[in-house]
Amino acid sequence: MWMDEMIRQMDNSLKRCDVSGVDLLMNNHQSLKVEIDVRQENFTMCINLDESLEKYQAKATDAPTDTNAAIDTSASIDTNAPIHRNVPIDTNAPINTDSH
């Protein structure tokens, strides 16, 4: 957004034919260029931070996936286990106290 505004200011500056107008335009352009150059370090820092976060997230997501895969393959699955769903509960139904 900020960069778009700077580009718009450079493009929309009045085109002057006299020397003083050209001097004003050059000074305006130079001040914008200096401001962009000053912010360049911040842009570079943001890009580097983004890259390091992506690497960190990739490392963080790889390890649990491998561990979970090992756990899933070694775990026994009880196919007779009840499946819990969001169903209405009948409060008048008898309670089943039988154990397996």
PDB file of N, CA and C in Angstrom:
ATOM      1  N   MET A   1       0.817  -1.178   0.000  1.00  0.00           N
ATOM      2  CA  MET A   1       0.000   0.000   0.000  1.00  0.00           C
ATOM      3  C   MET A   1       0.869   1.254   0.000  1.00  0.00           C
ATOM      4  N   TRP A   2       1.842   1.283   0.897  1.00  0.00           N
ATOM      5  CA  TRP A   2       2.704   2.442   0.962  1.00  0.00           C
ATOM      6  C   TRP A   2       3.498   2.582  -0.332  1.00  0.00           C
ATOM      7  N   MET A   3       4.023   1.458  -0.822  1.00  0.00           N
ATOM      8  CA  MET A   3       4.820   1.487  -2.044  1.00  0.00           C
ATOM      9  C   MET A   3       3.957   1.924  -3.220  1.00  0.00           C
ATOM     10  N   ASP A   4       2.726   1.459  -3.282  1.00  0.00           N
ATOM     11  CA  ASP A   4       1.819   1.878  -4.357  1.00  0.00           C
ATOM     12  C   ASP A   4       1.601   3.387  -4.336  1.00  0.00           C
ATOM     13  N   GLU A   5       1.454   3.947  -3.138  1.00  0.00           N
ATOM     14  CA  GLU A   5       1.265   5.394  -3.008  1.00  0.00           C
ATOM     15  C   GLU A   5       2.500   6.149  -3.488  1.00  0.00           C
ATOM     16  N   MET A   6       3.670   5.632  -3.155  1.00  0.00           N
ATOM     17  CA  MET A   6       4.909   6.284  -3.599  1.00  0.00           C
ATOM     18  C   MET A   6       5.021   6.243  -5.126  1.00  0.00           C
ATOM     19  N   ILE A   7       4.700   5.119  -5.707  1.00  0.00           N
ATOM     20  CA  ILE A   7       4.751   4.994  -7.171  1.00  0.00           C
ATOM     21  C   ILE A   7       3.751   5.946  -7.806  1.00  0.00           C
ATOM     22  N   ARG A   8       2.555   6.020  -7.225  1.00  0.00           N
ATOM     23  CA  ARG A   8       1.533   6.921  -7.742  1.00  0.00           C
ATOM     24  C   ARG A   8       1.999   8.378  -7.671  1.00  0.00           C
ATOM     25  N   GLN A   9       2.653   8.740  -6.580  1.00  0.00           N
ATOM     26  CA  GLN A   9       3.145  10.114  -6.445  1.00  0.00           C
ATOM     27  C   GLN A   9       4.202  10.423  -7.494  1.00  0.00           C
ATOM     28  N   MET A  10       5.073   9.456  -7.756  1.00  0.00           N
ATOM     29  CA  MET A  10       6.109   9.689  -8.759  1.00  0.00           C
ATOM     30  C   MET A  10       5.506   9.790 -10.154  1.00  0.00           C
ATOM     31  N   ASP A  11       4.520   8.945 -10.436  1.00  0.00           N
ATOM     32  CA  ASP A  11       3.902   8.941 -11.761  1.00  0.00           C
ATOM     33  C   ASP A  11       2.985  10.139 -11.980  1.00  0.00           C
ATOM     34  N   ASN A  12       2.293  10.572 -10.945  1.00  0.00           N
ATOM     35  CA  ASN A  12       1.292  11.624 -11.096  1.00  0.00           C
ATOM     36  C   ASN A  12       1.842  13.030 -10.894  1.00  0.00           C
ATOM     37  N   SER A  13       3.118  13.141 -10.648  1.00  0.00           N
ATOM     38  CA  SER A  13       3.693  14.483 -10.490  1.00  0.00           C
ATOM     39  C   SER A  13       3.517  15.247 -11.790  1.00  0.00           C
ATOM     40  N   LEU A  14       3.265  16.528 -11.638  1.00  0.00           N
ATOM     41  CA  LEU A  14       3.056  17.354 -12.831  1.00  0.00           C
ATOM     42  C   LEU A  14       4.322  17.396 -13.669  1.00  0.00           C
ATOM     43  N   LYS A  15       4.170  17.229 -14.943  1.00  0.00           N
ATOM     44  CA  LYS A  15       5.300  17.294 -15.858  1.00  0.00           C
ATOM     45  C   LYS A  15       5.529  18.770 -16.181  1.00  0.00           C
ATOM     46  N   ARG A  16       6.631  19.283 -15.745  1.00  0.00           N
ATOM     47  CA  ARG A  16       6.919  20.699 -15.930  1.00  0.00           C
ATOM     48  C   ARG A  16       7.944  20.874 -17.047  1.00  0.00           C
ATOM     49  N   CYS A  17       7.820  21.955 -17.747  1.00  0.00           N
ATOM     50  CA  CYS A  17       8.718  22.226 -18.870  1.00  0.00           C
ATOM     51  C   CYS A  17       9.830  23.193 -18.496  1.00  0.00           C
ATOM     52  N   ASP A  18       9.638  23.959 -17.429  1.00  0.00           N
ATOM     53  CA  ASP A  18      10.680  24.917 -17.065  1.00  0.00           C
ATOM     54  C   ASP A  18      11.684  24.270 -16.115  1.00  0.00           C
ATOM     55  N   VAL A  19      12.831  24.865 -15.977  1.00  0.00           N
ATOM     56  CA  VAL A  19      13.929  24.304 -15.190  1.00  0.00           C
ATOM     57  C   VAL A  19      13.560  24.211 -13.719  1.00  0.00           C
ATOM     58  N   SER A  20      12.893  25.216 -13.178  1.00  0.00           N
ATOM     59  CA  SER A  20      12.525  25.176 -11.761  1.00  0.00           C
ATOM     60  C   SER A  20      11.544  24.033 -11.487  1.00  0.00           C
ATOM     61  N   GLY A  21      10.633  23.779 -12.430  1.00  0.00           N
ATOM     62  CA  GLY A  21       9.695  22.666 -12.275  1.00  0.00           C
ATOM     63  C   GLY A  21      10.414  21.333 -12.304  1.00  0.00           C
ATOM     64  N   VAL A  22      11.401  21.220 -13.172  1.00  0.00           N
ATOM     65  CA  VAL A  22      12.196  19.987 -13.245  1.00  0.00           C
ATOM     66  C   VAL A  22      12.982  19.803 -11.956  1.00  0.00           C
ATOM     67  N   ASP A  23      13.533  20.890 -11.427  1.00  0.00           N
ATOM     68  CA  ASP A  23      14.262  20.806 -10.159  1.00  0.00           C
ATOM     69  C   ASP A  23      13.348  20.331  -9.030  1.00  0.00           C
ATOM     70  N   LEU A  24      12.139  20.877  -8.968  1.00  0.00           N
ATOM     71  CA  LEU A  24      11.179  20.447  -7.937  1.00  0.00           C
ATOM     72  C   LEU A  24      10.831  18.974  -8.097  1.00  0.00           C
ATOM     73  N   LEU A  25      10.609  18.562  -9.331  1.00  0.00           N
ATOM     74  CA  LEU A  25      10.278  17.166  -9.596  1.00  0.00           C
ATOM     75  C   LEU A  25      11.435  16.245  -9.214  1.00  0.00           C
ATOM     76  N   MET A  26      12.657  16.646  -9.537  1.00  0.00           N
ATOM     77  CA  MET A  26      13.827  15.835  -9.189  1.00  0.00           C
ATOM     78  C   MET A  26      14.021  15.763  -7.679  1.00  0.00           C
ATOM     79  N   ASN A  27      13.813  16.875  -6.986  1.00  0.00           N
ATOM     80  CA  ASN A  27      13.928  16.870  -5.525  1.00  0.00           C
ATOM     81  C   ASN A  27      12.872  15.974  -4.891  1.00  0.00           C
ATOM     82  N   ASN A  28      11.650  16.045  -5.414  1.00  0.00           N
ATOM     83  CA  ASN A  28      10.573  15.190  -4.914  1.00  0.00           C
ATOM     84  C   ASN A  28      10.927  13.721  -5.144  1.00  0.00           C
ATOM     85  N   HIS A  29      11.399  13.409  -6.327  1.00  0.00           N
ATOM     86  CA  HIS A  29      11.768  12.034  -6.663  1.00  0.00           C
ATOM     87  C   HIS A  29      12.919  11.556  -5.776  1.00  0.00           C
ATOM     88  N   GLN A  30      13.890  12.421  -5.554  1.00  0.00           N
ATOM     89  CA  GLN A  30      15.039  12.058  -4.725  1.00  0.00           C
ATOM     90  C   GLN A  30      14.613  11.783  -3.286  1.00  0.00           C
ATOM     91  N   SER A  31      13.712  12.603  -2.743  1.00  0.00           N
ATOM     92  CA  SER A  31      13.258  12.374  -1.364  1.00  0.00           C
ATOM     93  C   SER A  31      12.494  11.061  -1.250  1.00  0.00           C
ATOM     94  N   LEU A  32      11.697  10.734  -2.265  1.00  0.00           N
ATOM     95  CA  LEU A  32      10.987   9.454  -2.250  1.00  0.00           C
ATOM     96  C   LEU A  32      11.966   8.290  -2.353  1.00  0.00           C
ATOM     97  N   LYS A  33      12.985   8.436  -3.186  1.00  0.00           N
ATOM     98  CA  LYS A  33      13.985   7.383  -3.345  1.00  0.00           C
ATOM     99  C   LYS A  33      14.733   7.155  -2.033  1.00  0.00           C
ATOM    100  N   VAL A  34      15.086   8.233  -1.339  1.00  0.00           N
ATOM    101  CA  VAL A  34      15.775   8.117  -0.055  1.00  0.00           C
ATOM    102  C   VAL A  34      14.890   7.397   0.955  1.00  0.00           C
ATOM    103  N   GLU A  35      13.610   7.736   0.975  1.00  0.00           N
ATOM    104  CA  GLU A  35      12.689   7.085   1.913  1.00  0.00           C
ATOM    105  C   GLU A  35      12.567   5.590   1.621  1.00  0.00           C
ATOM    106  N   ILE A  36      12.509   5.232   0.356  1.00  0.00           N
ATOM    107  CA  ILE A  36      12.448   3.818  -0.026  1.00  0.00           C
ATOM    108  C   ILE A  36      13.735   3.111   0.378  1.00  0.00           C
ATOM    109  N   ASP A  37      14.878   3.747   0.133  1.00  0.00           N
ATOM    110  CA  ASP A  37      16.162   3.145   0.496  1.00  0.00           C
ATOM    111  C   ASP A  37      16.282   2.945   2.004  1.00  0.00           C
ATOM    112  N   VAL A  38      15.775   3.899   2.781  1.00  0.00           N
ATOM    113  CA  VAL A  38      15.818   3.776   4.238  1.00  0.00           C
ATOM    114  C   VAL A  38      14.974   2.587   4.692  1.00  0.00           C
ATOM    115  N   ARG A  39      13.843   2.385   4.066  1.00  0.00           N
ATOM    116  CA  ARG A  39      12.957   1.284   4.452  1.00  0.00           C
ATOM    117  C   ARG A  39      13.403  -0.054   3.878  1.00  0.00           C
ATOM    118  N   GLN A  40      14.341  -0.058   2.953  1.00  0.00           N
ATOM    119  CA  GLN A  40      14.792  -1.300   2.330  1.00  0.00           C
ATOM    120  C   GLN A  40      15.320  -2.287   3.364  1.00  0.00           C
ATOM    121  N   GLU A  41      16.036  -1.796   4.370  1.00  0.00           N
ATOM    122  CA  GLU A  41      16.556  -2.675   5.413  1.00  0.00           C
ATOM    123  C   GLU A  41      15.409  -3.367   6.150  1.00  0.00           C
ATOM    124  N   ASN A  42      14.334  -2.632   6.419  1.00  0.00           N
ATOM    125  CA  ASN A  42      13.170  -3.232   7.077  1.00  0.00           C
ATOM    126  C   ASN A  42      12.521  -4.288   6.189  1.00  0.00           C
ATOM    127  N   PHE A  43      12.444  -4.011   4.891  1.00  0.00           N
ATOM    128  CA  PHE A  43      11.883  -5.000   3.970  1.00  0.00           C
ATOM    129  C   PHE A  43      12.717  -6.273   3.986  1.00  0.00           C
ATOM    130  N   THR A  44      14.032  -6.112   3.942  1.00  0.00           N
ATOM    131  CA  THR A  44      14.929  -7.262   3.946  1.00  0.00           C
ATOM    132  C   THR A  44      14.788  -8.051   5.243  1.00  0.00           C
ATOM    133  N   MET A  45      14.699  -7.350   6.367  1.00  0.00           N
ATOM    134  CA  MET A  45      14.531  -8.026   7.650  1.00  0.00           C
ATOM    135  C   MET A  45      13.222  -8.803   7.692  1.00  0.00           C
ATOM    136  N   CYS A  46      12.152  -8.235   7.176  1.00  0.00           N
ATOM    137  CA  CYS A  46      10.855  -8.917   7.155  1.00  0.00           C
ATOM    138  C   CYS A  46      10.905 -10.169   6.286  1.00  0.00           C
ATOM    139  N   ILE A  47      11.543 -10.066   5.142  1.00  0.00           N
ATOM    140  CA  ILE A  47      11.653 -11.218   4.247  1.00  0.00           C
ATOM    141  C   ILE A  47      12.472 -12.322   4.907  1.00  0.00           C
ATOM    142  N   ASN A  48      13.597 -11.964   5.536  1.00  0.00           N
ATOM    143  CA  ASN A  48      14.427 -12.957   6.220  1.00  0.00           C
ATOM    144  C   ASN A  48      13.684 -13.594   7.386  1.00  0.00           C
ATOM    145  N   LEU A  49      12.931 -12.807   8.126  1.00  0.00           N
ATOM    146  CA  LEU A  49      12.146 -13.339   9.236  1.00  0.00           C
ATOM    147  C   LEU A  49      11.101 -14.320   8.732  1.00  0.00           C
ATOM    148  N   ASP A  50      10.445 -13.979   7.636  1.00  0.00           N
ATOM    149  CA  ASP A  50       9.449 -14.870   7.050  1.00  0.00           C
ATOM    150  C   ASP A  50      10.080 -16.195   6.637  1.00  0.00           C
ATOM    151  N   GLU A  51      11.245 -16.137   6.005  1.00  0.00           N
ATOM    152  CA  GLU A  51      11.917 -17.365   5.576  1.00  0.00           C
ATOM    153  C   GLU A  51      12.318 -18.224   6.770  1.00  0.00           C
ATOM    154  N   SER A  52      12.818 -17.595   7.836  1.00  0.00           N
ATOM    155  CA  SER A  52      13.216 -18.371   9.011  1.00  0.00           C
ATOM    156  C   SER A  52      11.998 -18.974   9.708  1.00  0.00           C
ATOM    157  N   LEU A  53      10.877 -18.249   9.731  1.00  0.00           N
ATOM    158  CA  LEU A  53       9.658 -18.807  10.323  1.00  0.00           C
ATOM    159  C   LEU A  53       9.143 -19.993   9.517  1.00  0.00           C
ATOM    160  N   GLU A  54       9.233 -19.900   8.199  1.00  0.00           N
ATOM    161  CA  GLU A  54       8.804 -21.016   7.360  1.00  0.00           C
ATOM    162  C   GLU A  54       9.663 -22.244   7.624  1.00  0.00           C
ATOM    163  N   LYS A  55      10.977 -22.066   7.767  1.00  0.00           N
ATOM    164  CA  LYS A  55      11.869 -23.192   8.071  1.00  0.00           C
ATOM    165  C   LYS A  55      11.541 -23.771   9.436  1.00  0.00           C
ATOM    166  N   TYR A  56      11.302 -22.902  10.418  1.00  0.00           N
ATOM    167  CA  TYR A  56      10.980 -23.350  11.766  1.00  0.00           C
ATOM    168  C   TYR A  56       9.673 -24.135  11.778  1.00  0.00           C
ATOM    169  N   GLN A  57       8.662 -23.638  11.066  1.00  0.00           N
ATOM    170  CA  GLN A  57       7.379 -24.331  11.014  1.00  0.00           C
ATOM    171  C   GLN A  57       7.512 -25.664  10.301  1.00  0.00           C
ATOM    172  N   ALA A  58       8.340 -25.719   9.271  1.00  0.00           N
ATOM    173  CA  ALA A  58       8.540 -26.980   8.561  1.00  0.00           C
ATOM    174  C   ALA A  58       9.184 -28.001   9.484  1.00  0.00           C
ATOM    175  N   LYS A  59      10.172 -27.586  10.276  1.00  0.00           N
ATOM    176  CA  LYS A  59      10.804 -28.498  11.230  1.00  0.00           C
ATOM    177  C   LYS A  59       9.819 -28.912  12.311  1.00  0.00           C
ATOM    178  N   ALA A  60       9.008 -27.977  12.774  1.00  0.00           N
ATOM    179  CA  ALA A  60       8.057 -28.263  13.850  1.00  0.00           C
ATOM    180  C   ALA A  60       6.967 -29.217  13.388  1.00  0.00           C
ATOM    181  N   THR A  61       6.549 -29.134  12.149  1.00  0.00           N
ATOM    182  CA  THR A  61       5.482 -30.011  11.683  1.00  0.00           C
ATOM    183  C   THR A  61       6.003 -31.365  11.248  1.00  0.00           C
ATOM    184  N   ASP A  62       7.273 -31.483  10.859  1.00  0.00           N
ATOM    185  CA  ASP A  62       7.819 -32.769  10.430  1.00  0.00           C
ATOM    186  C   ASP A  62       7.951 -33.747  11.591  1.00  0.00           C
ATOM    187  N   ALA A  63       8.462 -33.311  12.713  1.00  0.00           N
ATOM    188  CA  ALA A  63       8.717 -34.213  13.829  1.00  0.00           C
ATOM    189  C   ALA A  63       7.438 -34.844  14.382  1.00  0.00           C
ATOM    190  N   PRO A  64       6.408 -34.098  14.715  1.00  0.00           N
ATOM    191  CA  PRO A  64       5.192 -34.736  15.232  1.00  0.00           C
ATOM    192  C   PRO A  64       4.531 -35.661  14.217  1.00  0.00           C
ATOM    193  N   THR A  65       4.632 -35.347  12.947  1.00  0.00           N
ATOM    194  CA  THR A  65       4.029 -36.206  11.937  1.00  0.00           C
ATOM    195  C   THR A  65       4.697 -37.570  11.951  1.00  0.00           C
ATOM    196  N   ASP A  66       6.031 -37.603  12.031  1.00  0.00           N
ATOM    197  CA  ASP A  66       6.748 -38.872  12.074  1.00  0.00           C
ATOM    198  C   ASP A  66       6.405 -39.638  13.344  1.00  0.00           C
ATOM    199  N   THR A  67       6.356 -38.952  14.473  1.00  0.00           N
ATOM    200  CA  THR A  67       6.029 -39.596  15.740  1.00  0.00           C
ATOM    201  C   THR A  67       4.606 -40.133  15.713  1.00  0.00           C
ATOM    202  N   ASN A  68       3.677 -39.337  15.209  1.00  0.00           N
ATOM    203  CA  ASN A  68       2.291 -39.783  15.144  1.00  0.00           C
ATOM    204  C   ASN A  68       2.142 -40.977  14.218  1.00  0.00           C
ATOM    205  N   ALA A  69       2.885 -41.012  13.132  1.00  0.00           N
ATOM    206  CA  ALA A  69       2.808 -42.146  12.223  1.00  0.00           C
ATOM    207  C   ALA A  69       3.290 -43.405  12.924  1.00  0.00           C
ATOM    208  N   ALA A  70       4.358 -43.308  13.717  1.00  0.00           N
ATOM    209  CA  ALA A  70       4.870 -44.470  14.441  1.00  0.00           C
ATOM    210  C   ALA A  70       3.866 -44.931  15.490  1.00  0.00           C
ATOM    211  N   ILE A  71       3.242 -44.001  16.170  1.00  0.00           N
ATOM    212  CA  ILE A  71       2.246 -44.357  17.186  1.00  0.00           C
ATOM    213  C   ILE A  71       1.026 -44.998  16.537  1.00  0.00           C
ATOM    214  N   ASP A  72       0.563 -44.441  15.430  1.00  0.00           N
ATOM    215  CA  ASP A  72      -0.620 -44.968  14.762  1.00  0.00           C
ATOM    216  C   ASP A  72      -0.407 -46.389  14.266  1.00  0.00           C
ATOM    217  N   THR A  73       0.771 -46.707  13.767  1.00  0.00           N
ATOM    218  CA  THR A  73       0.996 -48.052  13.240  1.00  0.00           C
ATOM    219  C   THR A  73       1.152 -49.070  14.353  1.00  0.00           C
ATOM    220  N   SER A  74       1.636 -48.642  15.531  1.00  0.00           N
ATOM    221  CA  SER A  74       1.838 -49.595  16.616  1.00  0.00           C
ATOM    222  C   SER A  74       0.600 -49.735  17.503  1.00  0.00           C
ATOM    223  N   ALA A  75      -0.324 -48.826  17.423  1.00  0.00           N
ATOM    224  CA  ALA A  75      -1.518 -48.872  18.273  1.00  0.00           C
ATOM    225  C   ALA A  75      -2.521 -49.871  17.709  1.00  0.00           C
ATOM    226  N   SER A  76      -3.169 -50.578  18.620  1.00  0.00           N
ATOM    227  CA  SER A  76      -4.222 -51.488  18.170  1.00  0.00           C
ATOM    228  C   SER A  76      -5.540 -50.730  18.158  1.00  0.00           C
ATOM    229  N   ILE A  77      -6.328 -50.981  17.155  1.00  0.00           N
ATOM    230  CA  ILE A  77      -7.595 -50.277  16.993  1.00  0.00           C
ATOM    231  C   ILE A  77      -8.717 -51.192  17.453  1.00  0.00           C
ATOM    232  N   ASP A  78      -9.535 -50.709  18.368  1.00  0.00           N
ATOM    233  CA  ASP A  78     -10.676 -51.465  18.861  1.00  0.00           C
ATOM    234  C   ASP A  78     -11.865 -51.146  17.965  1.00  0.00           C
ATOM    235  N   THR A  79     -12.208 -52.087  17.093  1.00  0.00           N
ATOM    236  CA  THR A  79     -13.311 -51.849  16.163  1.00  0.00           C
ATOM    237  C   THR A  79     -14.664 -51.952  16.849  1.00  0.00           C
ATOM    238  N   ASN A  80     -14.702 -52.491  18.061  1.00  0.00           N
ATOM    239  CA  ASN A  80     -15.968 -52.613  18.781  1.00  0.00           C
ATOM    240  C   ASN A  80     -16.227 -51.426  19.706  1.00  0.00           C
ATOM    241  N   ALA A  81     -15.333 -50.472  19.714  1.00  0.00           N
ATOM    242  CA  ALA A  81     -15.505 -49.311  20.588  1.00  0.00           C
ATOM    243  C   ALA A  81     -16.703 -48.490  20.116  1.00  0.00           C
ATOM    244  N   PRO A  82     -17.467 -47.958  21.050  1.00  0.00           N
ATOM    245  CA  PRO A  82     -18.634 -47.159  20.651  1.00  0.00           C
ATOM    246  C   PRO A  82     -18.207 -45.860  19.969  1.00  0.00           C
ATOM    247  N   ILE A  83     -19.011 -45.453  19.029  1.00  0.00           N
ATOM    248  CA  ILE A  83     -18.770 -44.199  18.332  1.00  0.00           C
ATOM    249  C   ILE A  83     -19.665 -43.149  18.971  1.00  0.00           C
ATOM    250  N   HIS A  84     -19.075 -42.092  19.457  1.00  0.00           N
ATOM    251  CA  HIS A  84     -19.842 -41.045  20.126  1.00  0.00           C
ATOM    252  C   HIS A  84     -20.286 -40.022  19.103  1.00  0.00           C
ATOM    253  N   ARG A  85     -21.558 -39.749  19.108  1.00  0.00           N
ATOM    254  CA  ARG A  85     -22.126 -38.753  18.207  1.00  0.00           C
ATOM    255  C   ARG A  85     -22.994 -37.810  19.017  1.00  0.00           C
ATOM    256  N   ASN A  86     -23.290 -36.684  18.436  1.00  0.00           N
ATOM    257  CA  ASN A  86     -24.184 -35.724  19.082  1.00  0.00           C
ATOM    258  C   ASN A  86     -25.625 -36.152  18.822  1.00  0.00           C
ATOM    259  N   VAL A  87     -26.143 -36.991  19.716  1.00  0.00           N
ATOM    260  CA  VAL A  87     -27.527 -37.458  19.601  1.00  0.00           C
ATOM    261  C   VAL A  87     -28.250 -37.095  20.889  1.00  0.00           C
ATOM    262  N   PRO A  88     -29.553 -36.893  20.804  1.00  0.00           N
ATOM    263  CA  PRO A  88     -30.302 -36.588  22.029  1.00  0.00           C
ATOM    264  C   PRO A  88     -30.248 -37.763  23.007  1.00  0.00           C
ATOM    265  N   ILE A  89     -30.176 -37.456  24.288  1.00  0.00           N
ATOM    266  CA  ILE A  89     -30.114 -38.489  25.322  1.00  0.00           C
ATOM    267  C   ILE A  89     -31.507 -38.670  25.906  1.00  0.00           C
ATOM    268  N   ASP A  90     -31.930 -39.933  25.980  1.00  0.00           N
ATOM    269  CA  ASP A  90     -33.221 -40.256  26.587  1.00  0.00           C
ATOM    270  C   ASP A  90     -32.992 -40.408  28.085  1.00  0.00           C
ATOM    271  N   THR A  91     -33.463 -39.469  28.870  1.00  0.00           N
ATOM    272  CA  THR A  91     -33.236 -39.505  30.317  1.00  0.00           C
ATOM    273  C   THR A  91     -34.094 -40.549  31.009  1.00  0.00           C
ATOM    274  N   ASN A  92     -35.100 -41.096  30.326  1.00  0.00           N
ATOM    275  CA  ASN A  92     -35.962 -42.113  30.925  1.00  0.00           C
ATOM    276  C   ASN A  92     -35.471 -43.525  30.635  1.00  0.00           C
ATOM    277  N   ALA A  93     -34.430 -43.670  29.822  1.00  0.00           N
ATOM    278  CA  ALA A  93     -33.922 -44.997  29.462  1.00  0.00           C
ATOM    279  C   ALA A  93     -33.163 -45.591  30.642  1.00  0.00           C
ATOM    280  N   PRO A  94     -33.214 -46.931  30.794  1.00  0.00           N
ATOM    281  CA  PRO A  94     -32.476 -47.576  31.895  1.00  0.00           C
ATOM    282  C   PRO A  94     -30.967 -47.466  31.652  1.00  0.00           C
ATOM    283  N   ILE A  95     -30.208 -47.411  32.733  1.00  0.00           N
ATOM    284  CA  ILE A  95     -28.756 -47.298  32.646  1.00  0.00           C
ATOM    285  C   ILE A  95     -28.163 -48.694  32.544  1.00  0.00           C
ATOM    286  N   ASN A  96     -27.283 -48.894  31.572  1.00  0.00           N
ATOM    287  CA  ASN A  96     -26.624 -50.178  31.366  1.00  0.00           C
ATOM    288  C   ASN A  96     -25.366 -50.211  32.224  1.00  0.00           C
ATOM    289  N   THR A  97     -25.318 -51.123  33.200  1.00  0.00           N
ATOM    290  CA  THR A  97     -24.164 -51.227  34.092  1.00  0.00           C
ATOM    291  C   THR A  97     -23.319 -52.442  33.778  1.00  0.00           C
ATOM    292  N   ASP A  98     -23.631 -53.151  32.692  1.00  0.00           N
ATOM    293  CA  ASP A  98     -22.835 -54.326  32.316  1.00  0.00           C
ATOM    294  C   ASP A  98     -21.449 -53.880  31.873  1.00  0.00           C
ATOM    295  N   SER A  99     -20.432 -54.612  32.335  1.00  0.00           N
ATOM    296  CA  SER A  99     -19.071 -54.301  31.882  1.00  0.00           C
ATOM    297  C   SER A  99     -18.654 -55.349  30.868  1.00  0.00           C
ATOM    298  N   HIS A 100     -17.748 -54.998  29.997  1.00  0.00           N
ATOM    299  CA  HIS A 100     -17.325 -55.906  28.913  1.00  0.00           C
ATOM    300  C   HIS A 100     -16.410 -56.964  29.403  1.00  0.00           C
TER     301      HIS A 100
END
